[in-house]
N, C-alpha and C. Protein backbone atom coordinates (compact mmCIF):
# COMPACT_ATOMS: atom_id res chain seq x y z
N MET A 1 37.01 -68.08 -25.85
CA MET A 1 36.30 -67.55 -26.99
C MET A 1 35.20 -68.49 -27.43
N SER A 2 35.33 -69.77 -27.21
CA SER A 2 34.33 -70.67 -27.78
C SER A 2 34.08 -71.85 -26.87
N THR A 3 33.04 -72.55 -27.21
CA THR A 3 32.76 -73.83 -26.62
C THR A 3 33.19 -74.88 -27.62
N THR A 4 34.05 -75.77 -27.22
CA THR A 4 34.56 -76.78 -28.12
C THR A 4 33.75 -78.06 -27.97
N PRO A 5 33.06 -78.50 -29.01
CA PRO A 5 32.33 -79.77 -28.93
C PRO A 5 33.30 -80.92 -28.66
N GLU A 6 32.81 -81.95 -27.99
CA GLU A 6 33.64 -83.12 -27.69
C GLU A 6 34.24 -83.73 -28.96
N SER A 7 33.52 -83.62 -30.08
CA SER A 7 33.99 -84.22 -31.33
C SER A 7 35.17 -83.46 -31.93
N ALA A 8 35.51 -82.31 -31.36
CA ALA A 8 36.58 -81.50 -31.93
C ALA A 8 37.92 -81.78 -31.27
N THR A 9 38.13 -83.01 -30.80
CA THR A 9 39.40 -83.34 -30.16
C THR A 9 40.45 -83.77 -31.17
N HIS A 10 40.06 -84.16 -32.35
CA HIS A 10 41.01 -84.52 -33.41
C HIS A 10 41.66 -83.23 -33.92
N PRO A 11 42.97 -83.24 -34.18
CA PRO A 11 43.64 -82.00 -34.61
C PRO A 11 42.99 -81.30 -35.81
N SER A 12 42.55 -82.07 -36.81
CA SER A 12 41.92 -81.42 -37.97
C SER A 12 40.57 -80.82 -37.60
N SER A 13 39.84 -81.48 -36.69
CA SER A 13 38.56 -80.94 -36.23
C SER A 13 38.78 -79.68 -35.40
N LEU A 14 39.80 -79.68 -34.57
CA LEU A 14 40.11 -78.51 -33.76
C LEU A 14 40.53 -77.34 -34.65
N LEU A 15 41.33 -77.62 -35.68
CA LEU A 15 41.74 -76.56 -36.62
C LEU A 15 40.52 -75.99 -37.33
N ARG A 16 39.61 -76.85 -37.78
CA ARG A 16 38.39 -76.38 -38.46
C ARG A 16 37.58 -75.48 -37.52
N LEU A 17 37.46 -75.89 -36.25
CA LEU A 17 36.72 -75.11 -35.26
C LEU A 17 37.38 -73.75 -35.05
N LEU A 18 38.67 -73.71 -34.92
CA LEU A 18 39.39 -72.44 -34.73
C LEU A 18 39.23 -71.53 -35.94
N LEU A 19 39.30 -72.09 -37.13
CA LEU A 19 39.10 -71.28 -38.34
C LEU A 19 37.66 -70.76 -38.43
N ASP A 20 36.70 -71.60 -38.05
CA ASP A 20 35.31 -71.15 -38.04
C ASP A 20 35.12 -70.00 -37.05
N GLU A 21 35.69 -70.14 -35.87
CA GLU A 21 35.59 -69.07 -34.88
C GLU A 21 36.19 -67.77 -35.42
N ARG A 22 37.36 -67.87 -36.01
CA ARG A 22 38.00 -66.69 -36.58
C ARG A 22 37.13 -66.07 -37.67
N ASP A 23 36.55 -66.89 -38.51
CA ASP A 23 35.72 -66.38 -39.61
C ASP A 23 34.44 -65.73 -39.10
N ILE A 24 33.88 -66.25 -38.02
CA ILE A 24 32.67 -65.66 -37.45
C ILE A 24 32.99 -64.31 -36.82
N VAL A 25 34.09 -64.20 -36.11
CA VAL A 25 34.51 -62.90 -35.56
C VAL A 25 34.78 -61.92 -36.70
N ALA A 26 35.32 -62.41 -37.81
CA ALA A 26 35.57 -61.55 -38.97
C ALA A 26 34.26 -60.99 -39.54
N VAL A 27 33.17 -61.76 -39.48
CA VAL A 27 31.87 -61.26 -39.92
C VAL A 27 31.45 -60.07 -39.05
N ALA A 28 31.64 -60.18 -37.74
CA ALA A 28 31.29 -59.09 -36.83
C ALA A 28 32.14 -57.85 -37.11
N THR A 29 33.40 -58.06 -37.40
CA THR A 29 34.29 -56.95 -37.71
C THR A 29 33.94 -56.32 -39.05
N ARG A 30 33.62 -57.14 -40.02
CA ARG A 30 33.22 -56.65 -41.35
C ARG A 30 31.97 -55.77 -41.23
N TYR A 31 31.02 -56.18 -40.42
CA TYR A 31 29.81 -55.41 -40.18
C TYR A 31 30.17 -53.99 -39.73
N CYS A 32 31.08 -53.87 -38.79
CA CYS A 32 31.50 -52.56 -38.29
C CYS A 32 32.14 -51.72 -39.39
N ARG A 33 33.00 -52.35 -40.18
CA ARG A 33 33.66 -51.62 -41.28
C ARG A 33 32.63 -51.12 -42.28
N VAL A 34 31.67 -51.96 -42.63
CA VAL A 34 30.62 -51.56 -43.58
C VAL A 34 29.86 -50.36 -43.04
N LEU A 35 29.48 -50.39 -41.77
CA LEU A 35 28.75 -49.28 -41.19
C LEU A 35 29.57 -47.99 -41.19
N ASP A 36 30.82 -48.09 -40.79
CA ASP A 36 31.65 -46.88 -40.65
C ASP A 36 32.10 -46.31 -41.98
N THR A 37 32.14 -47.14 -43.03
CA THR A 37 32.51 -46.63 -44.36
C THR A 37 31.28 -46.34 -45.22
N LYS A 38 30.11 -46.68 -44.71
CA LYS A 38 28.84 -46.47 -45.42
C LYS A 38 28.82 -47.17 -46.78
N GLN A 39 29.46 -48.33 -46.85
CA GLN A 39 29.45 -49.15 -48.06
C GLN A 39 28.37 -50.22 -47.89
N TRP A 40 27.12 -49.76 -48.02
CA TRP A 40 25.96 -50.57 -47.67
C TRP A 40 25.89 -51.89 -48.42
N ASP A 41 26.39 -51.97 -49.63
CA ASP A 41 26.38 -53.22 -50.39
C ASP A 41 27.16 -54.32 -49.67
N GLY A 42 28.10 -53.94 -48.83
CA GLY A 42 28.90 -54.90 -48.08
C GLY A 42 28.10 -55.69 -47.06
N LEU A 43 26.89 -55.23 -46.75
CA LEU A 43 26.05 -55.99 -45.81
C LEU A 43 25.66 -57.35 -46.38
N ALA A 44 25.73 -57.50 -47.69
CA ALA A 44 25.46 -58.81 -48.32
C ALA A 44 26.55 -59.82 -47.97
N GLU A 45 27.70 -59.35 -47.51
CA GLU A 45 28.78 -60.23 -47.07
C GLU A 45 28.70 -60.49 -45.57
N VAL A 46 27.66 -59.97 -44.93
CA VAL A 46 27.46 -60.13 -43.49
C VAL A 46 26.19 -60.94 -43.21
N PHE A 47 25.10 -60.60 -43.90
CA PHE A 47 23.79 -61.20 -43.64
C PHE A 47 23.35 -62.12 -44.77
N LEU A 48 22.55 -63.12 -44.44
CA LEU A 48 21.84 -63.90 -45.45
C LEU A 48 20.80 -63.00 -46.13
N PRO A 49 20.44 -63.30 -47.37
CA PRO A 49 19.40 -62.49 -48.03
C PRO A 49 18.08 -62.47 -47.26
N ASP A 50 17.74 -63.56 -46.56
CA ASP A 50 16.49 -63.62 -45.81
C ASP A 50 16.70 -63.48 -44.30
N ALA A 51 17.80 -62.85 -43.92
CA ALA A 51 18.11 -62.65 -42.50
C ALA A 51 17.03 -61.82 -41.82
N THR A 52 16.98 -61.95 -40.50
CA THR A 52 16.11 -61.10 -39.68
C THR A 52 16.98 -60.39 -38.66
N ALA A 53 16.45 -59.29 -38.11
CA ALA A 53 17.22 -58.54 -37.11
C ALA A 53 16.30 -57.70 -36.26
N GLN A 54 16.70 -57.53 -35.02
CA GLN A 54 16.10 -56.57 -34.12
C GLN A 54 17.23 -55.65 -33.70
N LEU A 55 17.22 -54.44 -34.22
CA LEU A 55 18.34 -53.53 -34.04
C LEU A 55 17.98 -52.39 -33.09
N GLY A 56 17.90 -52.72 -31.82
CA GLY A 56 17.69 -51.70 -30.81
C GLY A 56 16.24 -51.32 -30.57
N ASN A 57 15.32 -51.90 -31.29
CA ASN A 57 13.90 -51.66 -31.02
C ASN A 57 13.16 -52.98 -31.24
N PRO A 58 11.92 -53.07 -30.77
CA PRO A 58 11.23 -54.36 -30.83
C PRO A 58 10.78 -54.80 -32.22
N THR A 59 10.81 -53.90 -33.19
CA THR A 59 10.37 -54.26 -34.54
C THR A 59 11.38 -55.20 -35.18
N GLU A 60 10.90 -56.37 -35.63
CA GLU A 60 11.80 -57.30 -36.31
C GLU A 60 11.85 -56.95 -37.79
N LEU A 61 13.06 -56.80 -38.28
CA LEU A 61 13.29 -56.53 -39.69
C LEU A 61 13.43 -57.86 -40.40
N ALA A 62 12.84 -57.98 -41.59
CA ALA A 62 12.89 -59.23 -42.34
C ALA A 62 13.51 -58.98 -43.70
N GLY A 63 14.64 -59.63 -43.94
CA GLY A 63 15.32 -59.53 -45.23
C GLY A 63 16.45 -58.51 -45.24
N LEU A 64 17.41 -58.79 -46.09
CA LEU A 64 18.60 -57.92 -46.21
C LEU A 64 18.22 -56.49 -46.56
N ASP A 65 17.25 -56.30 -47.45
CA ASP A 65 16.86 -54.93 -47.84
C ASP A 65 16.33 -54.15 -46.65
N ALA A 66 15.49 -54.76 -45.83
CA ALA A 66 14.93 -54.07 -44.66
C ALA A 66 16.03 -53.74 -43.65
N ILE A 67 16.95 -54.67 -43.45
CA ILE A 67 18.06 -54.44 -42.53
C ILE A 67 18.93 -53.30 -43.05
N THR A 68 19.26 -53.33 -44.33
CA THR A 68 20.08 -52.28 -44.93
C THR A 68 19.40 -50.93 -44.83
N ASP A 69 18.11 -50.88 -45.13
CA ASP A 69 17.36 -49.61 -45.06
C ASP A 69 17.40 -49.03 -43.65
N ARG A 70 17.22 -49.87 -42.64
CA ARG A 70 17.22 -49.40 -41.24
C ARG A 70 18.59 -48.86 -40.85
N ILE A 71 19.65 -49.59 -41.20
CA ILE A 71 21.00 -49.15 -40.86
C ILE A 71 21.35 -47.87 -41.60
N ARG A 72 21.03 -47.83 -42.86
CA ARG A 72 21.32 -46.64 -43.68
C ARG A 72 20.60 -45.41 -43.13
N ALA A 73 19.33 -45.56 -42.76
CA ALA A 73 18.57 -44.43 -42.22
C ALA A 73 19.20 -43.91 -40.92
N ALA A 74 19.74 -44.81 -40.12
CA ALA A 74 20.34 -44.42 -38.85
C ALA A 74 21.70 -43.74 -39.01
N LEU A 75 22.46 -44.12 -40.03
CA LEU A 75 23.85 -43.68 -40.12
C LEU A 75 24.18 -42.76 -41.29
N GLU A 76 23.34 -42.73 -42.31
CA GLU A 76 23.65 -42.00 -43.54
C GLU A 76 24.00 -40.53 -43.31
N ASN A 77 23.29 -39.85 -42.40
CA ASN A 77 23.50 -38.42 -42.21
C ASN A 77 24.61 -38.07 -41.22
N LEU A 78 25.26 -39.06 -40.66
CA LEU A 78 26.35 -38.78 -39.72
C LEU A 78 27.58 -38.27 -40.46
N ASP A 79 28.35 -37.44 -39.77
CA ASP A 79 29.64 -37.02 -40.31
C ASP A 79 30.65 -38.16 -40.20
N ASP A 80 30.50 -38.97 -39.16
CA ASP A 80 31.41 -40.09 -38.97
C ASP A 80 30.83 -41.02 -37.91
N SER A 81 31.35 -42.23 -37.87
CA SER A 81 31.00 -43.18 -36.81
C SER A 81 32.16 -44.13 -36.61
N GLN A 82 32.20 -44.73 -35.43
CA GLN A 82 33.21 -45.74 -35.15
C GLN A 82 32.57 -46.81 -34.28
N HIS A 83 32.40 -47.99 -34.85
CA HIS A 83 31.81 -49.12 -34.16
C HIS A 83 32.93 -50.07 -33.73
N LEU A 84 33.02 -50.30 -32.43
CA LEU A 84 34.04 -51.19 -31.88
C LEU A 84 33.34 -52.38 -31.24
N VAL A 85 33.85 -53.59 -31.47
CA VAL A 85 33.29 -54.80 -30.87
C VAL A 85 34.40 -55.57 -30.16
N GLY A 86 34.02 -56.26 -29.10
CA GLY A 86 34.99 -57.05 -28.35
C GLY A 86 34.30 -58.07 -27.48
N ASN A 87 35.12 -58.83 -26.74
CA ASN A 87 34.63 -59.90 -25.86
C ASN A 87 33.77 -60.89 -26.63
N HIS A 88 34.29 -61.36 -27.74
CA HIS A 88 33.56 -62.28 -28.61
C HIS A 88 33.43 -63.65 -27.97
N GLU A 89 32.22 -64.18 -28.02
CA GLU A 89 31.94 -65.56 -27.62
C GLU A 89 31.34 -66.26 -28.83
N VAL A 90 31.96 -67.35 -29.24
CA VAL A 90 31.54 -68.06 -30.44
C VAL A 90 31.32 -69.53 -30.11
N THR A 91 30.23 -70.09 -30.63
CA THR A 91 30.04 -71.53 -30.61
C THR A 91 29.77 -71.99 -32.04
N VAL A 92 30.25 -73.16 -32.34
CA VAL A 92 30.06 -73.74 -33.67
C VAL A 92 29.57 -75.17 -33.50
N ASP A 93 28.53 -75.51 -34.25
CA ASP A 93 28.00 -76.85 -34.28
C ASP A 93 27.71 -77.20 -35.73
N GLY A 94 28.71 -77.78 -36.40
CA GLY A 94 28.56 -78.10 -37.82
C GLY A 94 28.49 -76.83 -38.65
N ASP A 95 27.38 -76.66 -39.36
CA ASP A 95 27.21 -75.49 -40.22
C ASP A 95 26.38 -74.39 -39.56
N ALA A 96 26.20 -74.48 -38.25
CA ALA A 96 25.47 -73.46 -37.49
C ALA A 96 26.39 -72.90 -36.42
N GLY A 97 26.19 -71.64 -36.09
CA GLY A 97 27.00 -71.02 -35.06
C GLY A 97 26.25 -69.92 -34.34
N THR A 98 26.77 -69.57 -33.19
CA THR A 98 26.27 -68.41 -32.46
C THR A 98 27.44 -67.50 -32.15
N HIS A 99 27.13 -66.23 -32.00
CA HIS A 99 28.14 -65.23 -31.70
C HIS A 99 27.51 -64.20 -30.78
N ARG A 100 28.27 -63.78 -29.81
CA ARG A 100 27.84 -62.72 -28.90
C ARG A 100 29.06 -61.85 -28.63
N CYS A 101 28.85 -60.54 -28.67
CA CYS A 101 29.93 -59.62 -28.36
C CYS A 101 29.37 -58.32 -27.82
N TYR A 102 30.22 -57.56 -27.18
CA TYR A 102 29.85 -56.22 -26.73
C TYR A 102 30.25 -55.23 -27.79
N LEU A 103 29.54 -54.09 -27.81
CA LEU A 103 29.85 -53.05 -28.77
C LEU A 103 29.83 -51.70 -28.10
N GLN A 104 30.59 -50.80 -28.67
CA GLN A 104 30.51 -49.39 -28.34
C GLN A 104 30.61 -48.64 -29.65
N ALA A 105 29.63 -47.80 -29.91
CA ALA A 105 29.56 -47.09 -31.18
C ALA A 105 29.50 -45.59 -30.93
N GLN A 106 30.47 -44.89 -31.50
CA GLN A 106 30.54 -43.43 -31.41
C GLN A 106 29.93 -42.86 -32.69
N HIS A 107 28.99 -41.94 -32.53
CA HIS A 107 28.32 -41.30 -33.66
C HIS A 107 28.63 -39.81 -33.62
N ILE A 108 29.05 -39.25 -34.75
CA ILE A 108 29.46 -37.85 -34.82
C ILE A 108 28.65 -37.12 -35.89
N ARG A 109 28.05 -36.01 -35.49
CA ARG A 109 27.38 -35.14 -36.47
C ARG A 109 27.24 -33.76 -35.85
N ARG A 110 27.63 -32.78 -36.61
CA ARG A 110 27.47 -31.41 -36.14
C ARG A 110 25.98 -31.05 -36.19
N VAL A 111 25.47 -30.65 -35.05
CA VAL A 111 24.06 -30.27 -34.93
C VAL A 111 23.98 -28.86 -34.36
N PRO A 112 22.86 -28.16 -34.60
CA PRO A 112 22.76 -26.76 -34.15
C PRO A 112 22.95 -26.57 -32.65
N ASP A 113 22.42 -27.48 -31.84
CA ASP A 113 22.51 -27.34 -30.39
C ASP A 113 23.15 -28.55 -29.76
N GLY A 114 24.15 -28.32 -28.95
CA GLY A 114 24.76 -29.39 -28.17
C GLY A 114 25.96 -30.03 -28.83
N SER A 115 26.43 -31.02 -28.14
CA SER A 115 27.62 -31.76 -28.55
C SER A 115 27.39 -32.52 -29.86
N PRO A 116 28.45 -32.71 -30.64
CA PRO A 116 28.31 -33.51 -31.87
C PRO A 116 28.49 -35.01 -31.63
N ASN A 117 28.49 -35.45 -30.37
CA ASN A 117 28.79 -36.84 -30.05
C ASN A 117 27.59 -37.57 -29.42
N TYR A 118 27.44 -38.81 -29.82
CA TYR A 118 26.44 -39.69 -29.20
C TYR A 118 27.03 -41.10 -29.19
N ILE A 119 27.06 -41.72 -28.02
CA ILE A 119 27.63 -43.06 -27.86
C ILE A 119 26.52 -44.04 -27.53
N VAL A 120 26.57 -45.19 -28.17
CA VAL A 120 25.67 -46.30 -27.86
C VAL A 120 26.54 -47.48 -27.46
N ALA A 121 26.19 -48.12 -26.35
CA ALA A 121 26.90 -49.32 -25.92
C ALA A 121 25.88 -50.44 -25.71
N GLY A 122 26.28 -51.64 -26.04
CA GLY A 122 25.37 -52.77 -25.89
C GLY A 122 26.02 -54.07 -26.30
N ARG A 123 25.19 -54.97 -26.78
CA ARG A 123 25.71 -56.27 -27.22
C ARG A 123 24.96 -56.74 -28.47
N TYR A 124 25.67 -57.47 -29.28
CA TYR A 124 25.10 -58.15 -30.43
C TYR A 124 25.01 -59.63 -30.09
N GLU A 125 23.89 -60.25 -30.46
CA GLU A 125 23.74 -61.69 -30.34
C GLU A 125 23.28 -62.20 -31.70
N ASP A 126 24.05 -63.12 -32.26
CA ASP A 126 23.85 -63.57 -33.63
C ASP A 126 23.66 -65.07 -33.72
N ARG A 127 22.83 -65.47 -34.68
CA ARG A 127 22.78 -66.85 -35.15
C ARG A 127 23.34 -66.82 -36.56
N LEU A 128 24.28 -67.69 -36.86
CA LEU A 128 24.93 -67.71 -38.17
C LEU A 128 24.82 -69.08 -38.81
N VAL A 129 24.97 -69.09 -40.13
CA VAL A 129 25.04 -70.34 -40.86
C VAL A 129 26.21 -70.27 -41.84
N ARG A 130 26.78 -71.44 -42.07
CA ARG A 130 27.86 -71.54 -43.06
C ARG A 130 27.22 -71.64 -44.44
N THR A 131 27.68 -70.82 -45.37
CA THR A 131 27.22 -70.87 -46.75
C THR A 131 28.40 -71.17 -47.65
N SER A 132 28.16 -71.33 -48.93
CA SER A 132 29.26 -71.55 -49.87
C SER A 132 30.16 -70.32 -49.96
N ASP A 133 29.67 -69.16 -49.52
CA ASP A 133 30.46 -67.92 -49.52
C ASP A 133 31.02 -67.59 -48.15
N GLY A 134 30.89 -68.49 -47.19
CA GLY A 134 31.38 -68.24 -45.84
C GLY A 134 30.23 -68.06 -44.86
N TRP A 135 30.56 -67.72 -43.63
CA TRP A 135 29.57 -67.54 -42.58
C TRP A 135 28.75 -66.28 -42.83
N ARG A 136 27.46 -66.37 -42.57
CA ARG A 136 26.55 -65.23 -42.71
C ARG A 136 25.60 -65.23 -41.51
N ILE A 137 25.18 -64.03 -41.12
CA ILE A 137 24.24 -63.88 -40.02
C ILE A 137 22.83 -64.19 -40.51
N ALA A 138 22.16 -65.10 -39.81
CA ALA A 138 20.76 -65.41 -40.09
C ALA A 138 19.84 -64.52 -39.25
N HIS A 139 20.27 -64.22 -38.02
CA HIS A 139 19.51 -63.31 -37.16
C HIS A 139 20.48 -62.57 -36.26
N ARG A 140 20.25 -61.26 -36.11
CA ARG A 140 21.04 -60.42 -35.21
C ARG A 140 20.09 -59.67 -34.29
N THR A 141 20.43 -59.68 -33.00
CA THR A 141 19.73 -58.86 -32.02
C THR A 141 20.73 -57.88 -31.44
N LEU A 142 20.40 -56.60 -31.50
CA LEU A 142 21.17 -55.55 -30.84
C LEU A 142 20.41 -55.17 -29.58
N THR A 143 21.06 -55.32 -28.43
CA THR A 143 20.50 -54.89 -27.17
C THR A 143 21.29 -53.67 -26.71
N VAL A 144 20.62 -52.53 -26.61
CA VAL A 144 21.28 -51.32 -26.13
C VAL A 144 21.32 -51.38 -24.61
N MET A 145 22.51 -51.24 -24.05
CA MET A 145 22.68 -51.30 -22.60
C MET A 145 22.74 -49.90 -21.99
N TRP A 146 23.37 -48.97 -22.69
CA TRP A 146 23.39 -47.58 -22.23
C TRP A 146 23.77 -46.66 -23.38
N THR A 147 23.43 -45.39 -23.21
CA THR A 147 23.80 -44.36 -24.18
C THR A 147 24.31 -43.15 -23.42
N GLU A 148 25.06 -42.32 -24.13
CA GLU A 148 25.55 -41.08 -23.53
C GLU A 148 25.73 -40.04 -24.64
N GLY A 149 25.41 -38.81 -24.34
CA GLY A 149 25.64 -37.74 -25.28
C GLY A 149 24.36 -37.16 -25.83
N ASN A 150 24.51 -36.50 -26.96
CA ASN A 150 23.44 -35.73 -27.57
C ASN A 150 22.68 -36.61 -28.57
N VAL A 151 21.49 -37.06 -28.18
CA VAL A 151 20.69 -37.94 -29.03
C VAL A 151 20.29 -37.25 -30.35
N ALA A 152 20.31 -35.94 -30.39
CA ALA A 152 19.99 -35.22 -31.64
C ALA A 152 20.96 -35.57 -32.76
N VAL A 153 22.13 -36.06 -32.42
CA VAL A 153 23.12 -36.47 -33.41
C VAL A 153 22.57 -37.56 -34.33
N VAL A 154 21.78 -38.49 -33.77
CA VAL A 154 21.27 -39.61 -34.55
C VAL A 154 19.81 -39.45 -34.95
N ARG A 155 19.25 -38.31 -34.68
CA ARG A 155 17.86 -38.05 -35.07
C ARG A 155 17.80 -37.00 -36.15
N GLY A 156 16.85 -37.18 -37.04
CA GLY A 156 16.61 -36.15 -38.06
C GLY A 156 17.64 -35.98 -39.02
C-alpha cells in the first residue's frame, strides 16, 4: 500500500505512517460517499479551499467552489450513482502525501432512449497535505481509462 521512508523504522514512526496511510485512503472513500449521497458540502472535508483538479477533461479547475460546481453539474440529475475505489497506493513524506487508486463509477438515470446505465472506469491521482483538520487533497487528476453504456445518462 505504501512506500515506507527509511526514517519510519522506529515503532512510533511506523505507527504514524500507517495511520497517515489509513487517513489518506479514508479521504478517497469520503469523496465517493459525498458524490453518491450528493452532500456537496462534504467536499470541504476532502479538498483544500484552494485545491485544483482535472476531472476527466483538460480544463484545470481552481478552488473548492469550481470543483464542487463541476461535480454537482455532472451528478446532480442522476437517479443514483455508486463510486468504488480500490488498489490504493499511498506515500507519505512528513506533511505531504500522494495517493493513487483505481475507480469504477456506475451512473443511473432513466432517459427516454436506451439503457439507464453508464459506467466510467479510471484512476485518481492525488497530492495531499496534512492540515489541522486532517489530510486534504491539494490536487486531483481523474484519468478516464474506459467507459461503457449509455452516455446520455450523464448528459443533459
